[in-house]
Amino acid sequence: MKELSIIQKTYDLIKYYVPIIERFPKVHKFTVGDRIINQLYDLLEGLIRVC
């Protein structure tokens, strides 16, 4: 059950941060913002694979 909790919390983190990152200035959104979003999704994918 704890595995599902961490997956849910990671998903909530992504839902919270993606809109914030989308408001970054264009210069940062397409460099730093995309890297942050990709890392968050990689983290979520890794957690799902482990469970």
N, C-alpha and C. Protein backbone atom coordinates (compact mmCIF):
# COMPACT_ATOMS: atom_id res chain seq x y z
N MET A 1 0.81 -1.19 0.00
CA MET A 1 0.00 0.00 0.00
C MET A 1 0.86 1.26 0.00
N LYS A 2 2.03 1.22 0.65
CA LYS A 2 2.90 2.39 0.69
C LYS A 2 3.43 2.72 -0.70
N GLU A 3 3.60 1.68 -1.54
CA GLU A 3 4.08 1.92 -2.90
C GLU A 3 3.09 2.80 -3.67
N LEU A 4 1.83 2.53 -3.50
CA LEU A 4 0.82 3.31 -4.19
C LEU A 4 0.78 4.74 -3.67
N SER A 5 1.07 4.91 -2.40
CA SER A 5 1.07 6.24 -1.81
C SER A 5 2.17 7.11 -2.43
N ILE A 6 3.37 6.55 -2.61
CA ILE A 6 4.46 7.33 -3.18
C ILE A 6 4.20 7.62 -4.65
N ILE A 7 3.56 6.72 -5.34
CA ILE A 7 3.21 6.97 -6.74
C ILE A 7 2.19 8.08 -6.83
N GLN A 8 1.20 8.05 -5.98
CA GLN A 8 0.18 9.10 -5.97
C GLN A 8 0.79 10.45 -5.62
N LYS A 9 1.67 10.47 -4.65
CA LYS A 9 2.31 11.74 -4.26
C LYS A 9 3.21 12.27 -5.37
N THR A 10 3.88 11.40 -6.08
CA THR A 10 4.71 11.82 -7.21
C THR A 10 3.84 12.37 -8.32
N TYR A 11 2.72 11.72 -8.58
CA TYR A 11 1.79 12.20 -9.60
C TYR A 11 1.24 13.58 -9.21
N ASP A 12 0.90 13.74 -7.93
CA ASP A 12 0.42 15.04 -7.45
C ASP A 12 1.49 16.11 -7.59
N LEU A 13 2.74 15.74 -7.35
CA LEU A 13 3.85 16.68 -7.52
C LEU A 13 3.95 17.14 -8.96
N ILE A 14 3.80 16.21 -9.89
CA ILE A 14 3.85 16.56 -11.32
C ILE A 14 2.68 17.47 -11.67
N LYS A 15 1.49 17.13 -11.19
CA LYS A 15 0.32 17.98 -11.47
C LYS A 15 0.50 19.38 -10.90
N TYR A 16 1.20 19.49 -9.81
CA TYR A 16 1.42 20.80 -9.18
C TYR A 16 2.48 21.61 -9.93
N TYR A 17 3.58 20.97 -10.31
CA TYR A 17 4.70 21.71 -10.87
C TYR A 17 4.62 21.99 -12.36
N VAL A 18 3.95 21.16 -13.14
CA VAL A 18 3.90 21.39 -14.59
C VAL A 18 3.26 22.74 -14.92
N PRO A 19 2.14 23.13 -14.34
CA PRO A 19 1.60 24.47 -14.64
C PRO A 19 2.54 25.61 -14.22
N ILE A 20 3.27 25.41 -13.14
CA ILE A 20 4.22 26.43 -12.71
C ILE A 20 5.36 26.54 -13.72
N ILE A 21 5.86 25.41 -14.16
CA ILE A 21 6.95 25.40 -15.13
C ILE A 21 6.50 25.99 -16.46
N GLU A 22 5.24 25.77 -16.83
CA GLU A 22 4.73 26.33 -18.08
C GLU A 22 4.70 27.86 -18.06
N ARG A 23 4.74 28.46 -16.88
CA ARG A 23 4.75 29.92 -16.77
C ARG A 23 6.16 30.50 -16.77
N PHE A 24 7.18 29.64 -16.86
CA PHE A 24 8.56 30.13 -16.93
C PHE A 24 8.72 30.99 -18.17
N PRO A 25 9.68 31.90 -18.15
CA PRO A 25 9.99 32.64 -19.37
C PRO A 25 10.41 31.67 -20.48
N LYS A 26 10.16 32.04 -21.70
CA LYS A 26 10.39 31.16 -22.85
C LYS A 26 11.81 30.58 -22.86
N VAL A 27 12.78 31.38 -22.54
CA VAL A 27 14.17 30.92 -22.56
C VAL A 27 14.37 29.76 -21.60
N HIS A 28 13.77 29.83 -20.43
CA HIS A 28 13.96 28.79 -19.42
C HIS A 28 12.97 27.64 -19.59
N LYS A 29 11.79 27.92 -20.10
CA LYS A 29 10.76 26.89 -20.22
C LYS A 29 11.22 25.76 -21.14
N PHE A 30 11.88 26.11 -22.23
CA PHE A 30 12.25 25.09 -23.21
C PHE A 30 13.59 24.45 -22.92
N THR A 31 14.31 24.93 -21.94
CA THR A 31 15.57 24.28 -21.57
C THR A 31 15.43 23.63 -20.21
N VAL A 32 15.41 24.44 -19.19
CA VAL A 32 15.34 23.92 -17.82
C VAL A 32 13.98 23.29 -17.55
N GLY A 33 12.92 23.94 -17.99
CA GLY A 33 11.57 23.43 -17.74
C GLY A 33 11.33 22.05 -18.32
N ASP A 34 11.74 21.84 -19.56
CA ASP A 34 11.56 20.53 -20.18
C ASP A 34 12.38 19.46 -19.48
N ARG A 35 13.57 19.82 -19.04
CA ARG A 35 14.40 18.84 -18.34
C ARG A 35 13.79 18.46 -17.00
N ILE A 36 13.24 19.43 -16.29
CA ILE A 36 12.60 19.14 -15.00
C ILE A 36 11.39 18.24 -15.20
N ILE A 37 10.56 18.58 -16.18
CA ILE A 37 9.36 17.78 -16.44
C ILE A 37 9.72 16.37 -16.85
N ASN A 38 10.72 16.21 -17.72
CA ASN A 38 11.14 14.88 -18.15
C ASN A 38 11.67 14.06 -16.98
N GLN A 39 12.41 14.69 -16.08
CA GLN A 39 12.93 13.98 -14.92
C GLN A 39 11.80 13.56 -13.98
N LEU A 40 10.80 14.40 -13.82
CA LEU A 40 9.67 14.04 -12.98
C LEU A 40 8.91 12.84 -13.56
N TYR A 41 8.71 12.85 -14.86
CA TYR A 41 8.03 11.71 -15.49
C TYR A 41 8.89 10.45 -15.45
N ASP A 42 10.20 10.60 -15.57
CA ASP A 42 11.09 9.44 -15.44
C ASP A 42 11.02 8.86 -14.04
N LEU A 43 10.95 9.74 -13.04
CA LEU A 43 10.81 9.28 -11.67
C LEU A 43 9.52 8.50 -11.48
N LEU A 44 8.42 9.05 -11.99
CA LEU A 44 7.13 8.37 -11.88
C LEU A 44 7.16 7.03 -12.60
N GLU A 45 7.74 6.99 -13.78
CA GLU A 45 7.84 5.74 -14.54
C GLU A 45 8.66 4.71 -13.79
N GLY A 46 9.76 5.13 -13.20
CA GLY A 46 10.59 4.22 -12.43
C GLY A 46 9.87 3.66 -11.21
N LEU A 47 9.11 4.51 -10.54
CA LEU A 47 8.35 4.03 -9.39
C LEU A 47 7.28 3.03 -9.80
N ILE A 48 6.66 3.26 -10.93
CA ILE A 48 5.62 2.34 -11.40
C ILE A 48 6.25 0.99 -11.76
N ARG A 49 7.42 1.02 -12.37
CA ARG A 49 8.09 -0.24 -12.74
C ARG A 49 8.49 -1.05 -11.53
N VAL A 50 8.89 -0.39 -10.47
CA VAL A 50 9.32 -1.09 -9.26
C VAL A 50 8.14 -1.79 -8.60
N CYS A 51 6.99 -1.15 -8.62
CA CYS A 51 5.81 -1.75 -7.99
C CYS A 51 5.29 -2.80 -8.85
